[in-house]
């Protein structure tokens, strides 16, 4: 299984999540955050918590089967793109297994 972590612009979250859901990726976790990188967005501002200028971001996380990973990554890339620089980044990691808390059943196929 694969874990996908995508850091995207807040204004693209709804379209990305809706597209993932339409494609069968139902379990997505979202977290608000601040980030800094090679590109500073126009709406970047001094952070209240950190001592640098940052930009708002949303971290989207999902776990999928290996064969679904490419589809999810391409969907996120396609729907999260903007004409501006600094659209974000996607990380993909290996997951050994996952279990439903309710049943203890493995999600690994």
N, C-alpha and C. Protein backbone atom coordinates (compact mmCIF):
# COMPACT_ATOMS: atom_id res chain seq x y z
N UNK A 1 0.84 -1.18 0.00
CA UNK A 1 0.00 0.00 0.00
C UNK A 1 0.88 1.24 0.00
N UNK A 2 0.30 2.36 -0.42
CA UNK A 2 1.01 3.62 -0.51
C UNK A 2 0.28 4.69 0.30
N UNK A 3 1.08 5.54 0.95
CA UNK A 3 0.53 6.73 1.60
C UNK A 3 0.91 7.92 0.73
N UNK A 4 -0.08 8.74 0.42
CA UNK A 4 0.15 9.93 -0.39
C UNK A 4 -0.09 11.14 0.52
N UNK A 5 0.90 12.03 0.58
CA UNK A 5 0.77 13.31 1.29
C UNK A 5 0.95 14.40 0.24
N UNK A 6 -0.08 15.20 0.06
CA UNK A 6 -0.04 16.29 -0.92
C UNK A 6 -0.22 17.61 -0.18
N UNK A 7 0.66 18.55 -0.44
CA UNK A 7 0.59 19.89 0.14
C UNK A 7 0.13 20.82 -0.97
N UNK A 8 -1.11 21.32 -0.85
CA UNK A 8 -1.72 22.08 -1.93
C UNK A 8 -2.26 23.41 -1.42
N UNK A 9 -2.60 24.28 -2.38
CA UNK A 9 -3.18 25.58 -2.04
C UNK A 9 -4.61 25.39 -1.53
N UNK A 10 -4.99 26.13 -0.50
CA UNK A 10 -6.34 25.99 0.06
C UNK A 10 -7.46 26.16 -0.96
N UNK A 11 -7.29 27.04 -1.91
CA UNK A 11 -8.36 27.29 -2.89
C UNK A 11 -8.61 26.10 -3.82
N UNK A 12 -7.71 25.12 -3.83
CA UNK A 12 -7.86 23.95 -4.70
C UNK A 12 -8.38 22.71 -3.96
N UNK A 13 -8.56 22.81 -2.65
CA UNK A 13 -8.92 21.64 -1.85
C UNK A 13 -10.24 21.03 -2.27
N UNK A 14 -11.28 21.82 -2.42
CA UNK A 14 -12.61 21.29 -2.72
C UNK A 14 -12.62 20.51 -4.03
N UNK A 15 -12.03 21.07 -5.07
CA UNK A 15 -12.03 20.38 -6.37
C UNK A 15 -11.18 19.11 -6.33
N UNK A 16 -10.07 19.13 -5.59
CA UNK A 16 -9.23 17.93 -5.48
C UNK A 16 -9.97 16.84 -4.72
N UNK A 17 -10.55 17.18 -3.58
CA UNK A 17 -11.27 16.19 -2.76
C UNK A 17 -12.48 15.64 -3.52
N UNK A 18 -13.24 16.50 -4.17
CA UNK A 18 -14.40 16.03 -4.95
C UNK A 18 -13.96 15.08 -6.06
N UNK A 19 -12.87 15.40 -6.73
CA UNK A 19 -12.37 14.56 -7.82
C UNK A 19 -11.87 13.22 -7.30
N UNK A 20 -11.17 13.24 -6.17
CA UNK A 20 -10.72 11.99 -5.55
C UNK A 20 -11.91 11.12 -5.18
N UNK A 21 -12.91 11.72 -4.57
CA UNK A 21 -14.11 10.98 -4.16
C UNK A 21 -14.81 10.38 -5.39
N UNK A 22 -14.95 11.18 -6.45
CA UNK A 22 -15.58 10.69 -7.69
C UNK A 22 -14.81 9.52 -8.29
N UNK A 23 -13.49 9.49 -8.06
CA UNK A 23 -12.63 8.42 -8.60
C UNK A 23 -12.56 7.21 -7.67
N UNK A 24 -13.28 7.26 -6.54
CA UNK A 24 -13.32 6.11 -5.64
C UNK A 24 -12.41 6.19 -4.43
N UNK A 25 -11.70 7.30 -4.26
CA UNK A 25 -10.85 7.49 -3.08
C UNK A 25 -11.69 8.21 -2.02
N UNK A 26 -12.28 7.43 -1.12
CA UNK A 26 -13.26 7.98 -0.18
C UNK A 26 -12.65 8.48 1.12
N UNK A 27 -11.54 7.92 1.54
CA UNK A 27 -10.96 8.29 2.84
C UNK A 27 -9.78 9.24 2.64
N UNK A 28 -10.03 10.50 2.93
CA UNK A 28 -9.02 11.54 2.79
C UNK A 28 -8.98 12.33 4.09
N UNK A 29 -7.78 12.65 4.55
CA UNK A 29 -7.60 13.48 5.75
C UNK A 29 -7.02 14.82 5.32
N UNK A 30 -7.56 15.90 5.87
CA UNK A 30 -7.09 17.24 5.55
C UNK A 30 -6.61 17.93 6.82
N UNK A 31 -5.52 18.68 6.69
CA UNK A 31 -4.98 19.47 7.80
C UNK A 31 -4.58 20.83 7.27
N UNK A 32 -4.96 21.90 8.00
CA UNK A 32 -4.52 23.24 7.64
C UNK A 32 -3.10 23.43 8.13
N UNK A 33 -2.34 24.21 7.39
CA UNK A 33 -0.98 24.47 7.82
C UNK A 33 -0.40 25.71 7.20
N UNK A 34 0.84 25.96 7.52
CA UNK A 34 1.61 27.07 6.96
C UNK A 34 2.88 26.46 6.40
N UNK A 35 3.36 27.01 5.31
CA UNK A 35 4.58 26.45 4.74
C UNK A 35 5.45 27.53 4.15
N UNK A 36 6.68 27.18 3.98
CA UNK A 36 7.62 28.05 3.28
C UNK A 36 8.40 27.18 2.31
N UNK A 37 8.74 27.73 1.20
CA UNK A 37 9.45 26.97 0.19
C UNK A 37 10.20 27.90 -0.74
N UNK A 38 10.54 27.39 -1.92
CA UNK A 38 11.30 28.17 -2.88
C UNK A 38 10.49 29.36 -3.40
N UNK A 39 9.17 29.23 -3.43
CA UNK A 39 8.32 30.30 -3.93
C UNK A 39 7.46 30.85 -2.81
N UNK A 40 7.39 32.16 -2.71
CA UNK A 40 6.50 32.79 -1.73
C UNK A 40 5.25 33.28 -2.46
N UNK A 41 4.11 32.89 -1.94
CA UNK A 41 2.85 33.30 -2.54
C UNK A 41 2.60 34.78 -2.26
N UNK A 42 1.77 35.39 -3.12
CA UNK A 42 1.41 36.81 -2.95
C UNK A 42 0.73 37.05 -1.61
N UNK A 43 -0.03 36.06 -1.13
CA UNK A 43 -0.76 36.23 0.13
C UNK A 43 0.05 35.77 1.34
N UNK A 44 1.36 35.54 1.17
CA UNK A 44 2.22 35.14 2.30
C UNK A 44 2.25 36.28 3.30
N UNK A 45 2.33 35.91 4.56
CA UNK A 45 2.34 36.92 5.62
C UNK A 45 3.21 36.44 6.77
N UNK A 46 3.62 37.36 7.64
CA UNK A 46 4.39 36.92 8.81
C UNK A 46 3.55 35.98 9.66
N UNK A 47 4.12 34.87 10.04
CA UNK A 47 3.43 33.88 10.84
C UNK A 47 3.31 34.34 12.28
N UNK A 48 2.22 33.98 12.91
CA UNK A 48 2.06 34.28 14.34
C UNK A 48 2.82 33.28 15.20
N UNK A 49 3.11 32.11 14.64
CA UNK A 49 3.74 31.04 15.41
C UNK A 49 5.22 30.85 15.11
N UNK A 50 5.66 31.28 13.93
CA UNK A 50 7.04 31.04 13.51
C UNK A 50 7.67 32.36 13.10
N UNK A 51 8.98 32.39 13.01
CA UNK A 51 9.69 33.63 12.73
C UNK A 51 10.11 33.74 11.27
N UNK A 52 9.20 33.49 10.36
CA UNK A 52 9.47 33.67 8.94
C UNK A 52 8.15 33.93 8.23
N UNK A 53 8.23 34.41 7.02
CA UNK A 53 7.04 34.66 6.22
C UNK A 53 6.60 33.34 5.60
N UNK A 54 5.32 33.08 5.67
CA UNK A 54 4.82 31.80 5.18
C UNK A 54 3.57 31.96 4.34
N UNK A 55 3.13 30.85 3.79
CA UNK A 55 1.94 30.80 2.96
C UNK A 55 1.00 29.72 3.49
N UNK A 56 -0.30 29.95 3.40
CA UNK A 56 -1.25 28.91 3.84
C UNK A 56 -1.18 27.70 2.92
N UNK A 57 -1.29 26.52 3.50
CA UNK A 57 -1.32 25.28 2.74
C UNK A 57 -2.33 24.33 3.39
N UNK A 58 -2.71 23.32 2.65
CA UNK A 58 -3.52 22.23 3.20
C UNK A 58 -2.77 20.94 2.90
N UNK A 59 -2.62 20.11 3.93
CA UNK A 59 -2.02 18.79 3.74
C UNK A 59 -3.15 17.79 3.56
N UNK A 60 -3.12 17.10 2.44
CA UNK A 60 -4.11 16.08 2.12
C UNK A 60 -3.39 14.74 2.23
N UNK A 61 -3.97 13.81 2.98
CA UNK A 61 -3.38 12.48 3.15
C UNK A 61 -4.38 11.41 2.76
N UNK A 62 -3.88 10.39 2.07
CA UNK A 62 -4.70 9.22 1.78
C UNK A 62 -3.80 8.01 1.63
N UNK A 63 -4.39 6.85 1.89
CA UNK A 63 -3.69 5.58 1.71
C UNK A 63 -4.47 4.79 0.68
N UNK A 64 -3.73 4.17 -0.25
CA UNK A 64 -4.38 3.41 -1.32
C UNK A 64 -3.54 2.17 -1.65
N UNK A 65 -4.12 1.30 -2.43
CA UNK A 65 -3.40 0.13 -2.90
C UNK A 65 -2.33 0.58 -3.90
N UNK A 66 -1.26 -0.20 -4.03
CA UNK A 66 -0.14 0.17 -4.92
C UNK A 66 -0.60 0.52 -6.33
N UNK A 67 -1.52 -0.28 -6.87
CA UNK A 67 -1.94 -0.07 -8.25
C UNK A 67 -2.81 1.18 -8.43
N UNK A 68 -3.29 1.77 -7.35
CA UNK A 68 -4.11 2.99 -7.42
C UNK A 68 -3.29 4.27 -7.27
N UNK A 69 -2.03 4.14 -6.85
CA UNK A 69 -1.21 5.30 -6.51
C UNK A 69 -1.04 6.26 -7.68
N UNK A 70 -0.68 5.76 -8.84
CA UNK A 70 -0.43 6.63 -10.00
C UNK A 70 -1.68 7.42 -10.36
N UNK A 71 -2.83 6.76 -10.33
CA UNK A 71 -4.10 7.44 -10.63
C UNK A 71 -4.36 8.58 -9.66
N UNK A 72 -4.14 8.33 -8.37
CA UNK A 72 -4.37 9.36 -7.36
C UNK A 72 -3.40 10.53 -7.53
N UNK A 73 -2.13 10.24 -7.75
CA UNK A 73 -1.14 11.30 -7.92
C UNK A 73 -1.45 12.15 -9.14
N UNK A 74 -1.78 11.52 -10.26
CA UNK A 74 -2.09 12.27 -11.47
C UNK A 74 -3.35 13.11 -11.30
N UNK A 75 -4.33 12.58 -10.60
CA UNK A 75 -5.55 13.33 -10.35
C UNK A 75 -5.27 14.56 -9.50
N UNK A 76 -4.49 14.39 -8.42
CA UNK A 76 -4.14 15.53 -7.55
C UNK A 76 -3.35 16.57 -8.35
N UNK A 77 -2.35 16.13 -9.11
CA UNK A 77 -1.56 17.06 -9.92
C UNK A 77 -2.45 17.85 -10.89
N UNK A 78 -3.33 17.15 -11.56
CA UNK A 78 -4.18 17.81 -12.54
C UNK A 78 -5.16 18.80 -11.93
N UNK A 79 -5.71 18.46 -10.77
CA UNK A 79 -6.74 19.32 -10.17
C UNK A 79 -6.16 20.41 -9.26
N UNK A 80 -4.93 20.25 -8.78
CA UNK A 80 -4.35 21.23 -7.86
C UNK A 80 -3.50 22.28 -8.58
N UNK A 81 -3.27 22.12 -9.88
CA UNK A 81 -2.45 23.08 -10.62
C UNK A 81 -3.15 24.42 -10.76
N UNK A 82 -2.34 25.47 -10.73
CA UNK A 82 -2.81 26.84 -10.99
C UNK A 82 -1.85 27.46 -12.00
N UNK A 83 -2.19 28.62 -12.53
CA UNK A 83 -1.27 29.31 -13.44
C UNK A 83 -0.07 29.94 -12.70
N UNK A 84 -0.17 30.02 -11.38
CA UNK A 84 0.88 30.64 -10.57
C UNK A 84 1.93 29.62 -10.15
N UNK A 85 3.13 30.09 -9.80
CA UNK A 85 4.14 29.16 -9.26
C UNK A 85 3.78 28.74 -7.83
N UNK A 86 4.43 27.70 -7.35
CA UNK A 86 4.25 27.28 -5.96
C UNK A 86 2.98 26.51 -5.69
N UNK A 87 2.60 25.60 -6.59
CA UNK A 87 1.36 24.84 -6.41
C UNK A 87 1.43 23.79 -5.31
N UNK A 88 2.63 23.38 -4.89
CA UNK A 88 2.75 22.41 -3.82
C UNK A 88 3.63 21.24 -4.21
N UNK A 89 3.50 20.17 -3.42
CA UNK A 89 4.33 18.99 -3.62
C UNK A 89 3.57 17.76 -3.13
N UNK A 90 3.92 16.60 -3.68
CA UNK A 90 3.32 15.33 -3.28
C UNK A 90 4.43 14.38 -2.88
N UNK A 91 4.25 13.73 -1.74
CA UNK A 91 5.17 12.68 -1.28
C UNK A 91 4.42 11.35 -1.28
N UNK A 92 5.10 10.29 -1.67
CA UNK A 92 4.53 8.95 -1.66
C UNK A 92 5.44 8.06 -0.83
N UNK A 93 4.84 7.35 0.14
CA UNK A 93 5.58 6.46 1.03
C UNK A 93 4.95 5.07 1.02
N UNK A 94 5.76 4.08 1.37
CA UNK A 94 5.28 2.70 1.48
C UNK A 94 4.62 2.48 2.84
N UNK A 95 3.48 1.78 2.83
CA UNK A 95 2.78 1.41 4.06
C UNK A 95 2.78 -0.12 4.12
N UNK A 96 3.24 -0.67 5.22
CA UNK A 96 3.28 -2.13 5.37
C UNK A 96 1.88 -2.73 5.47
N UNK A 97 1.02 -2.09 6.25
CA UNK A 97 -0.34 -2.60 6.42
C UNK A 97 -1.16 -1.54 7.14
N UNK A 98 -2.47 -1.70 7.14
CA UNK A 98 -3.39 -0.83 7.86
C UNK A 98 -4.54 -1.70 8.35
N UNK A 99 -5.12 -1.33 9.49
CA UNK A 99 -6.18 -2.13 10.10
C UNK A 99 -7.36 -1.26 10.50
N UNK A 100 -8.55 -1.76 10.28
CA UNK A 100 -9.76 -1.08 10.76
C UNK A 100 -9.85 -1.28 12.27
N UNK A 101 -10.03 -0.21 12.99
CA UNK A 101 -10.13 -0.30 14.44
C UNK A 101 -11.35 -1.11 14.86
N UNK A 102 -12.48 -0.90 14.21
CA UNK A 102 -13.73 -1.57 14.56
C UNK A 102 -13.62 -3.09 14.49
N UNK A 103 -12.99 -3.60 13.41
CA UNK A 103 -12.98 -5.05 13.18
C UNK A 103 -11.62 -5.70 13.35
N UNK A 104 -10.56 -4.89 13.28
CA UNK A 104 -9.20 -5.44 13.31
C UNK A 104 -8.79 -6.03 11.99
N UNK A 105 -9.63 -5.89 10.96
CA UNK A 105 -9.33 -6.44 9.62
C UNK A 105 -8.27 -5.61 8.92
N UNK A 106 -7.37 -6.30 8.23
CA UNK A 106 -6.33 -5.66 7.43
C UNK A 106 -6.96 -5.06 6.18
N UNK A 107 -6.44 -3.91 5.74
CA UNK A 107 -6.88 -3.29 4.50
C UNK A 107 -6.02 -3.71 3.32
N UNK A 108 -4.97 -4.45 3.61
CA UNK A 108 -4.05 -4.89 2.57
C UNK A 108 -4.73 -5.96 1.72
N UNK A 109 -4.61 -5.82 0.41
CA UNK A 109 -5.23 -6.82 -0.49
C UNK A 109 -4.27 -7.92 -0.80
